[in-house]
């Protein structure tokens, strides 16, 4: 399961970084380009904040949060026993690393870099491949929680196994 998590994370990270490099190269100083009418457009922005540009001016806090997410995912991955959780944590890890890389290496400087966003969703928000991975991970984690699947692969998040062990 750890290998699956790693492969998913690497694929997400590489797709994110390659798409951002393409966006910066292709979309800089260009007007928005419709993909599906105005529902989905390509529009390059550099985001100092989080989703919906929240937290602008606190980029270093977002950098620290991303680092905490990475530590939690890596620690949690030691208990992996579920392919669903491997996918979810891999998506989360790849997405978090993608946006963290921007915060570490892009202008205006280390830990305060602006994230490259270029996928405009109906004018509501503009995101990137890392954001898609993070949102997908959140949805998958929600589904796993609702169905009671624990990180270790047990049903009911391990409570069933713990109750049975207590009965023995």
N, C-alpha and C. Protein backbone atom coordinates (compact mmCIF):
# COMPACT_ATOMS: atom_id res chain seq x y z
N UNK A 1 0.82 -1.20 0.00
CA UNK A 1 0.00 0.00 0.00
C UNK A 1 0.86 1.26 0.00
N UNK A 2 2.01 1.17 0.67
CA UNK A 2 2.90 2.33 0.72
C UNK A 2 3.43 2.67 -0.68
N UNK A 3 3.69 1.64 -1.48
CA UNK A 3 4.16 1.86 -2.85
C UNK A 3 3.06 2.54 -3.67
N UNK A 4 1.82 2.09 -3.52
CA UNK A 4 0.70 2.72 -4.22
C UNK A 4 0.60 4.19 -3.85
N UNK A 5 0.66 4.48 -2.57
CA UNK A 5 0.63 5.86 -2.10
C UNK A 5 1.74 6.66 -2.77
N UNK A 6 2.94 6.11 -2.79
CA UNK A 6 4.08 6.81 -3.38
C UNK A 6 3.92 7.06 -4.87
N UNK A 7 3.43 6.07 -5.59
CA UNK A 7 3.22 6.23 -7.04
C UNK A 7 2.17 7.30 -7.31
N UNK A 8 1.06 7.24 -6.59
CA UNK A 8 -0.01 8.24 -6.78
C UNK A 8 0.53 9.64 -6.47
N UNK A 9 1.28 9.78 -5.37
CA UNK A 9 1.84 11.08 -4.99
C UNK A 9 2.80 11.60 -6.06
N UNK A 10 3.67 10.75 -6.56
CA UNK A 10 4.65 11.18 -7.57
C UNK A 10 3.94 11.58 -8.87
N UNK A 11 2.97 10.78 -9.30
CA UNK A 11 2.24 11.11 -10.54
C UNK A 11 1.52 12.45 -10.39
N UNK A 12 0.86 12.66 -9.25
CA UNK A 12 0.16 13.95 -9.02
C UNK A 12 1.15 15.11 -9.00
N UNK A 13 2.24 14.92 -8.30
CA UNK A 13 3.24 15.98 -8.18
C UNK A 13 3.83 16.35 -9.54
N UNK A 14 4.23 15.34 -10.31
CA UNK A 14 4.82 15.59 -11.63
C UNK A 14 3.80 16.24 -12.56
N UNK A 15 2.56 15.74 -12.56
CA UNK A 15 1.52 16.34 -13.41
C UNK A 15 1.29 17.80 -13.02
N UNK A 16 1.28 18.08 -11.74
CA UNK A 16 1.08 19.45 -11.26
C UNK A 16 2.23 20.35 -11.71
N UNK A 17 3.45 19.93 -11.48
CA UNK A 17 4.59 20.78 -11.81
C UNK A 17 4.74 20.98 -13.32
N UNK A 18 4.51 19.92 -14.10
CA UNK A 18 4.58 20.06 -15.56
C UNK A 18 3.48 20.98 -16.08
N UNK A 19 2.27 20.84 -15.53
CA UNK A 19 1.17 21.69 -15.99
C UNK A 19 1.41 23.15 -15.61
N UNK A 20 2.00 23.39 -14.45
CA UNK A 20 2.31 24.77 -14.05
C UNK A 20 3.40 25.36 -14.94
N UNK A 21 4.41 24.56 -15.26
CA UNK A 21 5.46 25.05 -16.17
C UNK A 21 4.86 25.40 -17.52
N UNK A 22 3.97 24.54 -18.01
CA UNK A 22 3.29 24.81 -19.28
C UNK A 22 2.47 26.09 -19.18
N UNK A 23 1.72 26.24 -18.09
CA UNK A 23 0.86 27.42 -17.92
C UNK A 23 1.68 28.70 -17.90
N UNK A 24 2.77 28.71 -17.15
CA UNK A 24 3.61 29.91 -17.07
C UNK A 24 4.19 30.23 -18.45
N UNK A 25 4.65 29.21 -19.15
CA UNK A 25 5.25 29.40 -20.48
C UNK A 25 4.21 29.86 -21.51
N UNK A 26 3.01 29.31 -21.45
CA UNK A 26 2.01 29.53 -22.49
C UNK A 26 1.03 30.65 -22.19
N UNK A 27 0.67 30.82 -20.94
CA UNK A 27 -0.43 31.73 -20.60
C UNK A 27 0.00 33.09 -20.08
N UNK A 28 1.31 33.29 -19.83
CA UNK A 28 1.78 34.58 -19.34
C UNK A 28 1.45 35.67 -20.34
N UNK A 29 0.88 36.75 -19.83
CA UNK A 29 0.50 37.92 -20.64
C UNK A 29 -0.52 37.60 -21.74
N UNK A 30 -1.31 36.56 -21.54
CA UNK A 30 -2.35 36.19 -22.49
C UNK A 30 -3.72 36.41 -21.84
N UNK A 31 -4.71 36.77 -22.63
CA UNK A 31 -6.06 36.89 -22.07
C UNK A 31 -6.61 35.50 -21.76
N UNK A 32 -7.62 35.41 -20.89
CA UNK A 32 -8.23 34.11 -20.60
C UNK A 32 -8.69 33.41 -21.88
N UNK A 33 -8.54 32.10 -21.91
CA UNK A 33 -8.93 31.29 -23.07
C UNK A 33 -10.03 30.34 -22.66
N UNK A 34 -11.16 30.41 -23.36
CA UNK A 34 -12.28 29.51 -23.07
C UNK A 34 -11.95 28.09 -23.49
N UNK A 35 -12.23 27.14 -22.60
CA UNK A 35 -12.14 25.72 -22.93
C UNK A 35 -13.52 25.14 -23.17
N UNK A 36 -14.43 25.44 -22.23
CA UNK A 36 -15.83 25.02 -22.33
C UNK A 36 -16.65 26.28 -22.07
N UNK A 37 -16.73 27.12 -23.09
CA UNK A 37 -17.40 28.41 -22.90
C UNK A 37 -16.74 29.16 -21.76
N UNK A 38 -17.53 29.89 -21.01
CA UNK A 38 -16.97 30.57 -19.84
C UNK A 38 -17.04 29.68 -18.60
N UNK A 39 -17.54 28.45 -18.77
CA UNK A 39 -17.64 27.51 -17.65
C UNK A 39 -16.25 27.06 -17.20
N UNK A 40 -15.35 26.83 -18.15
CA UNK A 40 -14.00 26.38 -17.84
C UNK A 40 -13.04 27.13 -18.77
N UNK A 41 -12.12 27.88 -18.15
CA UNK A 41 -11.19 28.69 -18.93
C UNK A 41 -9.78 28.52 -18.40
N UNK A 42 -8.83 28.85 -19.25
CA UNK A 42 -7.43 28.92 -18.84
C UNK A 42 -7.09 30.38 -18.58
N UNK A 43 -6.63 30.66 -17.35
CA UNK A 43 -6.31 32.03 -16.96
C UNK A 43 -5.22 31.98 -15.90
N UNK A 44 -4.07 32.51 -16.22
CA UNK A 44 -2.92 32.44 -15.32
C UNK A 44 -3.00 33.50 -14.22
N UNK A 45 -2.91 33.04 -12.97
CA UNK A 45 -2.79 33.94 -11.82
C UNK A 45 -1.76 33.35 -10.87
N UNK A 46 -1.19 34.22 -10.09
CA UNK A 46 -0.26 33.77 -9.04
C UNK A 46 -0.93 34.09 -7.71
N UNK A 47 -1.19 33.04 -6.94
CA UNK A 47 -2.03 33.14 -5.75
C UNK A 47 -1.17 33.10 -4.49
N UNK A 48 -1.20 34.17 -3.72
CA UNK A 48 -0.46 34.23 -2.46
C UNK A 48 -1.23 33.57 -1.33
N UNK A 49 -2.51 33.29 -1.55
CA UNK A 49 -3.34 32.73 -0.48
C UNK A 49 -3.67 31.27 -0.71
N UNK A 50 -4.74 30.85 -0.07
CA UNK A 50 -5.23 29.48 -0.20
C UNK A 50 -6.42 29.51 -1.16
N UNK A 51 -7.32 28.54 -1.02
CA UNK A 51 -8.51 28.50 -1.88
C UNK A 51 -9.27 29.81 -1.77
N UNK A 52 -9.79 30.27 -2.91
CA UNK A 52 -10.52 31.53 -3.00
C UNK A 52 -9.67 32.72 -2.56
N UNK A 53 -8.35 32.55 -2.63
CA UNK A 53 -7.37 33.59 -2.24
C UNK A 53 -7.47 33.97 -0.77
N UNK A 54 -8.02 33.07 0.05
CA UNK A 54 -8.06 33.31 1.49
C UNK A 54 -6.65 33.22 2.05
N UNK A 55 -6.37 34.01 3.04
CA UNK A 55 -5.07 33.95 3.69
C UNK A 55 -3.98 34.72 2.98
N UNK A 56 -4.32 35.51 1.99
CA UNK A 56 -3.32 36.33 1.31
C UNK A 56 -2.64 37.21 2.35
N UNK A 57 -1.35 37.25 2.31
CA UNK A 57 -0.58 37.99 3.31
C UNK A 57 -0.08 37.09 4.43
N UNK A 58 -0.57 35.86 4.47
CA UNK A 58 -0.13 34.88 5.46
C UNK A 58 0.45 33.64 4.78
N UNK A 59 1.17 33.86 3.70
CA UNK A 59 1.70 32.75 2.91
C UNK A 59 2.58 31.84 3.76
N UNK A 60 3.36 32.40 4.67
CA UNK A 60 4.24 31.57 5.49
C UNK A 60 3.43 30.62 6.37
N UNK A 61 2.22 31.04 6.81
CA UNK A 61 1.35 30.17 7.60
C UNK A 61 0.88 28.99 6.73
N UNK A 62 0.52 29.28 5.48
CA UNK A 62 0.10 28.23 4.56
C UNK A 62 1.24 27.26 4.27
N UNK A 63 2.46 27.77 4.22
CA UNK A 63 3.64 26.92 4.04
C UNK A 63 3.78 25.98 5.23
N UNK A 64 3.62 26.51 6.44
CA UNK A 64 3.72 25.67 7.64
C UNK A 64 2.60 24.62 7.68
N UNK A 65 1.40 25.01 7.29
CA UNK A 65 0.28 24.06 7.25
C UNK A 65 0.58 22.94 6.28
N UNK A 66 1.12 23.27 5.11
CA UNK A 66 1.47 22.25 4.12
C UNK A 66 2.52 21.29 4.68
N UNK A 67 3.48 21.82 5.42
CA UNK A 67 4.51 20.96 6.03
C UNK A 67 3.90 20.03 7.07
N UNK A 68 2.95 20.53 7.85
CA UNK A 68 2.27 19.70 8.84
C UNK A 68 1.48 18.60 8.14
N UNK A 69 0.79 18.94 7.06
CA UNK A 69 0.04 17.93 6.29
C UNK A 69 0.97 16.83 5.82
N UNK A 70 2.14 17.20 5.32
CA UNK A 70 3.10 16.21 4.83
C UNK A 70 3.53 15.26 5.96
N UNK A 71 3.81 15.82 7.12
CA UNK A 71 4.23 14.99 8.26
C UNK A 71 3.10 14.05 8.68
N UNK A 72 1.88 14.56 8.75
CA UNK A 72 0.74 13.73 9.15
C UNK A 72 0.51 12.60 8.14
N UNK A 73 0.58 12.92 6.85
CA UNK A 73 0.38 11.89 5.82
C UNK A 73 1.46 10.82 5.93
N UNK A 74 2.70 11.22 6.09
CA UNK A 74 3.79 10.25 6.17
C UNK A 74 3.66 9.39 7.42
N UNK A 75 3.31 9.99 8.54
CA UNK A 75 3.13 9.20 9.78
C UNK A 75 1.95 8.24 9.65
N UNK A 76 0.85 8.73 9.07
CA UNK A 76 -0.34 7.90 8.89
C UNK A 76 -0.08 6.74 7.94
N UNK A 77 0.77 6.97 6.95
CA UNK A 77 1.03 5.94 5.94
C UNK A 77 1.66 4.69 6.52
N UNK A 78 2.24 4.77 7.68
CA UNK A 78 2.84 3.58 8.31
C UNK A 78 1.79 2.55 8.69
N UNK A 79 0.54 2.97 8.82
CA UNK A 79 -0.54 2.04 9.21
C UNK A 79 -1.39 1.60 8.03
N UNK A 80 -1.00 1.94 6.81
CA UNK A 80 -1.83 1.67 5.63
C UNK A 80 -2.14 0.19 5.45
N UNK A 81 -3.42 -0.07 5.26
CA UNK A 81 -3.87 -1.42 4.94
C UNK A 81 -5.04 -1.38 3.97
N UNK A 82 -5.27 -0.22 3.37
CA UNK A 82 -6.42 0.00 2.50
C UNK A 82 -5.96 0.71 1.23
N UNK A 83 -6.33 0.15 0.07
CA UNK A 83 -5.99 0.78 -1.20
C UNK A 83 -6.68 2.14 -1.33
N UNK A 84 -7.90 2.23 -0.82
CA UNK A 84 -8.61 3.51 -0.88
C UNK A 84 -7.87 4.60 -0.13
N UNK A 85 -7.39 4.27 1.05
CA UNK A 85 -6.62 5.24 1.83
C UNK A 85 -5.27 5.53 1.18
N UNK A 86 -4.67 4.54 0.54
CA UNK A 86 -3.41 4.77 -0.16
C UNK A 86 -3.63 5.79 -1.28
N UNK A 87 -4.73 5.64 -2.03
CA UNK A 87 -5.07 6.60 -3.08
C UNK A 87 -5.31 7.98 -2.47
N UNK A 88 -6.12 8.04 -1.42
CA UNK A 88 -6.47 9.32 -0.81
C UNK A 88 -5.23 10.04 -0.28
N UNK A 89 -4.40 9.32 0.45
CA UNK A 89 -3.21 9.95 1.02
C UNK A 89 -2.19 10.29 -0.07
N UNK A 90 -2.12 9.48 -1.12
CA UNK A 90 -1.23 9.79 -2.24
C UNK A 90 -1.66 11.06 -2.95
N UNK A 91 -2.97 11.20 -3.19
CA UNK A 91 -3.49 12.42 -3.81
C UNK A 91 -3.20 13.64 -2.92
N UNK A 92 -3.45 13.49 -1.63
CA UNK A 92 -3.22 14.59 -0.70
C UNK A 92 -1.73 14.95 -0.65
N UNK A 93 -0.87 13.95 -0.57
CA UNK A 93 0.57 14.19 -0.51
C UNK A 93 1.07 14.85 -1.79
N UNK A 94 0.68 14.32 -2.94
CA UNK A 94 1.11 14.90 -4.22
C UNK A 94 0.64 16.33 -4.40
N UNK A 95 -0.62 16.59 -4.04
CA UNK A 95 -1.16 17.94 -4.16
C UNK A 95 -0.50 18.91 -3.20
N UNK A 96 -0.33 18.49 -1.96
CA UNK A 96 0.30 19.36 -0.97
C UNK A 96 1.75 19.67 -1.36
N UNK A 97 2.46 18.66 -1.85
CA UNK A 97 3.85 18.89 -2.29
C UNK A 97 3.90 19.83 -3.50
N UNK A 98 2.94 19.70 -4.40
CA UNK A 98 2.90 20.57 -5.57
C UNK A 98 2.77 22.03 -5.19
N UNK A 99 1.81 22.33 -4.33
CA UNK A 99 1.63 23.73 -3.92
C UNK A 99 2.73 24.19 -2.98
N UNK A 100 3.25 23.28 -2.14
CA UNK A 100 4.36 23.65 -1.26
C UNK A 100 5.60 24.01 -2.09
N UNK A 101 5.85 23.29 -3.15
CA UNK A 101 6.99 23.60 -4.01
C UNK A 101 6.89 25.03 -4.52
N UNK A 102 5.69 25.43 -4.94
CA UNK A 102 5.50 26.82 -5.40
C UNK A 102 5.83 27.80 -4.27
N UNK A 103 5.36 27.51 -3.08
CA UNK A 103 5.59 28.43 -1.96
C UNK A 103 7.06 28.52 -1.58
N UNK A 104 7.81 27.46 -1.86
CA UNK A 104 9.23 27.45 -1.51
C UNK A 104 10.12 28.05 -2.59
N UNK A 105 9.77 27.90 -3.86
CA UNK A 105 10.71 28.29 -4.92
C UNK A 105 10.26 29.45 -5.79
N UNK A 106 9.02 29.84 -5.74
CA UNK A 106 8.55 30.92 -6.63
C UNK A 106 8.65 32.27 -5.93
N UNK A 107 8.58 33.33 -6.76
CA UNK A 107 8.59 34.69 -6.23
C UNK A 107 7.37 34.91 -5.35
N UNK A 108 7.46 35.71 -4.31
CA UNK A 108 8.51 36.66 -4.00
C UNK A 108 9.66 36.10 -3.17
N UNK A 109 9.62 34.82 -2.75
CA UNK A 109 10.77 34.29 -2.03
C UNK A 109 10.43 33.03 -1.26
N UNK A 110 11.45 32.44 -0.68
CA UNK A 110 11.35 31.17 0.04
C UNK A 110 10.27 31.23 1.13
N UNK A 111 9.36 30.26 1.08
CA UNK A 111 8.30 30.17 2.07
C UNK A 111 7.14 31.13 1.85
N UNK A 112 7.30 32.05 0.90
CA UNK A 112 6.28 33.04 0.63
C UNK A 112 5.91 33.09 -0.85
N UNK A 113 6.36 32.10 -1.61
CA UNK A 113 6.09 32.08 -3.04
C UNK A 113 4.61 31.97 -3.35
N UNK A 114 4.24 32.50 -4.49
CA UNK A 114 2.85 32.46 -4.93
C UNK A 114 2.61 31.22 -5.77
N UNK A 115 1.49 30.56 -5.51
CA UNK A 115 1.12 29.34 -6.22
C UNK A 115 0.60 29.70 -7.61
N UNK A 116 1.03 28.93 -8.61
CA UNK A 116 0.56 29.14 -9.98
C UNK A 116 -0.79 28.46 -10.13
N UNK A 117 -1.82 29.24 -10.42
CA UNK A 117 -3.17 28.74 -10.69
C UNK A 117 -3.52 29.12 -12.11
N UNK A 118 -4.27 28.25 -12.80
CA UNK A 118 -4.58 28.54 -14.20
C UNK A 118 -5.87 27.92 -14.72
N UNK A 119 -6.59 27.18 -13.89
CA UNK A 119 -7.86 26.59 -14.33
C UNK A 119 -8.98 27.37 -13.66
N UNK A 120 -9.71 28.16 -14.47
CA UNK A 120 -10.77 29.03 -13.97
C UNK A 120 -12.10 28.29 -14.10
N UNK A 121 -12.74 28.07 -12.95
CA UNK A 121 -14.02 27.37 -12.89
C UNK A 121 -15.16 28.38 -12.79
N UNK A 122 -15.80 28.66 -13.88
CA UNK A 122 -16.97 29.56 -13.97
C UNK A 122 -16.76 30.91 -13.31
N UNK A 123 -15.53 31.34 -13.15
CA UNK A 123 -15.26 32.61 -12.51
C UNK A 123 -15.36 32.55 -10.99
N UNK A 124 -15.68 31.38 -10.43
CA UNK A 124 -15.79 31.26 -8.96
C UNK A 124 -14.42 31.18 -8.30
N UNK A 125 -13.53 30.41 -8.88
CA UNK A 125 -12.18 30.30 -8.36
C UNK A 125 -11.26 29.78 -9.46
N UNK A 126 -9.96 29.99 -9.25
CA UNK A 126 -8.96 29.52 -10.20
C UNK A 126 -8.03 28.59 -9.44
N UNK A 127 -7.79 27.41 -9.99
CA UNK A 127 -6.97 26.42 -9.31
C UNK A 127 -5.94 25.81 -10.23
N UNK A 128 -5.43 24.66 -9.80
CA UNK A 128 -4.40 23.95 -10.56
C UNK A 128 -4.56 22.45 -10.34
N UNK A 129 -3.67 21.67 -10.87
CA UNK A 129 -3.75 20.20 -10.76
C UNK A 129 -3.59 19.77 -9.30
N UNK A 130 -2.72 20.43 -8.56
CA UNK A 130 -2.56 20.09 -7.13
C UNK A 130 -3.88 20.28 -6.38
N UNK A 131 -4.59 21.33 -6.70
CA UNK A 131 -5.89 21.58 -6.05
C UNK A 131 -6.89 20.48 -6.38
N UNK A 132 -6.87 20.02 -7.64
CA UNK A 132 -7.76 18.92 -8.03
C UNK A 132 -7.43 17.67 -7.22
N UNK A 133 -6.15 17.40 -7.04
CA UNK A 133 -5.73 16.24 -6.26
C UNK A 133 -6.17 16.36 -4.80
N UNK A 134 -6.02 17.54 -4.23
CA UNK A 134 -6.39 17.76 -2.82
C UNK A 134 -7.89 17.62 -2.63
N UNK A 135 -8.68 18.20 -3.52
CA UNK A 135 -10.14 18.10 -3.42
C UNK A 135 -10.57 16.65 -3.63
N UNK A 136 -9.97 15.96 -4.58
CA UNK A 136 -10.28 14.54 -4.80
C UNK A 136 -9.95 13.72 -3.57
N UNK A 137 -8.83 14.02 -2.93
CA UNK A 137 -8.45 13.32 -1.70
C UNK A 137 -9.48 13.58 -0.60
N UNK A 138 -9.93 14.81 -0.47
CA UNK A 138 -10.93 15.14 0.55
C UNK A 138 -12.23 14.38 0.32
N UNK A 139 -12.67 14.30 -0.94
CA UNK A 139 -13.89 13.56 -1.26
C UNK A 139 -13.70 12.08 -0.94
N UNK A 140 -12.58 11.52 -1.34
CA UNK A 140 -12.30 10.11 -1.08
C UNK A 140 -12.20 9.82 0.42
N UNK A 141 -11.55 10.70 1.16
CA UNK A 141 -11.45 10.53 2.62
C UNK A 141 -12.86 10.58 3.24
N UNK A 142 -13.69 11.48 2.76
CA UNK A 142 -15.07 11.54 3.25
C UNK A 142 -15.82 10.25 2.98
N UNK A 143 -15.68 9.72 1.77
CA UNK A 143 -16.34 8.45 1.43
C UNK A 143 -15.82 7.30 2.28
N UNK A 144 -14.51 7.26 2.50
CA UNK A 144 -13.92 6.21 3.33
C UNK A 144 -14.43 6.32 4.77
N UNK A 145 -14.55 7.54 5.26
CA UNK A 145 -15.05 7.75 6.62
C UNK A 145 -16.51 7.33 6.74
N UNK A 146 -17.32 7.72 5.75
CA UNK A 146 -18.75 7.39 5.78
C UNK A 146 -18.96 5.87 5.71
N UNK A 147 -18.12 5.20 4.96
CA UNK A 147 -18.26 3.74 4.83
C UNK A 147 -17.54 2.99 5.96
N UNK A 148 -16.89 3.74 6.85
CA UNK A 148 -16.26 3.11 8.02
C UNK A 148 -14.96 2.40 7.73
N UNK A 149 -14.31 2.73 6.64
CA UNK A 149 -13.05 2.07 6.29
C UNK A 149 -11.90 2.79 6.98
N UNK A 150 -11.18 2.09 7.84
CA UNK A 150 -10.04 2.66 8.54
C UNK A 150 -8.79 2.66 7.68
N UNK A 151 -7.83 3.47 8.06
CA UNK A 151 -6.56 3.55 7.34
C UNK A 151 -5.90 2.18 7.28
N UNK A 152 -6.07 1.41 8.34
CA UNK A 152 -5.45 0.08 8.39
C UNK A 152 -6.22 -0.97 7.60
N UNK A 153 -7.33 -0.58 7.00
CA UNK A 153 -8.12 -1.49 6.17
C UNK A 153 -9.29 -2.12 6.88
N UNK A 154 -9.42 -1.90 8.18
CA UNK A 154 -10.54 -2.48 8.92
C UNK A 154 -11.79 -1.65 8.72
N UNK A 155 -12.93 -2.29 8.91
CA UNK A 155 -14.21 -1.58 8.85
C UNK A 155 -14.42 -0.84 10.15
N UNK A 156 -15.19 0.22 10.11
CA UNK A 156 -15.50 1.05 11.28
C UNK A 156 -14.24 1.64 11.91
N UNK A 157 -13.24 1.90 11.09
CA UNK A 157 -12.03 2.59 11.55
C UNK A 157 -11.28 1.84 12.62
N UNK A 158 -11.40 0.54 12.68
CA UNK A 158 -10.66 -0.26 13.65
C UNK A 158 -11.45 -0.56 14.90
N UNK A 159 -12.61 0.06 15.09
CA UNK A 159 -13.41 -0.16 16.30
C UNK A 159 -13.91 -1.60 16.37
N UNK A 160 -14.27 -2.15 15.21
CA UNK A 160 -14.77 -3.52 15.18
C UNK A 160 -13.70 -4.49 15.65
N UNK A 161 -12.48 -4.31 15.16
CA UNK A 161 -11.38 -5.18 15.58
C UNK A 161 -11.04 -4.99 17.04
N UNK A 162 -11.09 -3.76 17.53
CA UNK A 162 -10.80 -3.49 18.95
C UNK A 162 -11.86 -4.10 19.84
N UNK A 163 -13.14 -4.02 19.42
CA UNK A 163 -14.22 -4.60 20.24
C UNK A 163 -14.09 -6.12 20.29
N UNK A 164 -13.73 -6.71 19.15
CA UNK A 164 -13.57 -8.18 19.13
C UNK A 164 -12.40 -8.59 20.01
N UNK A 165 -11.30 -7.84 19.98
CA UNK A 165 -10.14 -8.17 20.80
C UNK A 165 -10.49 -8.04 22.28
N UNK A 166 -11.33 -7.07 22.63
CA UNK A 166 -11.73 -6.87 24.03
C UNK A 166 -12.60 -8.05 24.50
N UNK A 167 -13.40 -8.61 23.57
CA UNK A 167 -14.24 -9.75 23.91
C UNK A 167 -13.44 -11.03 24.12
N UNK A 168 -12.29 -11.14 23.46
CA UNK A 168 -11.48 -12.37 23.54
C UNK A 168 -10.73 -12.49 24.80
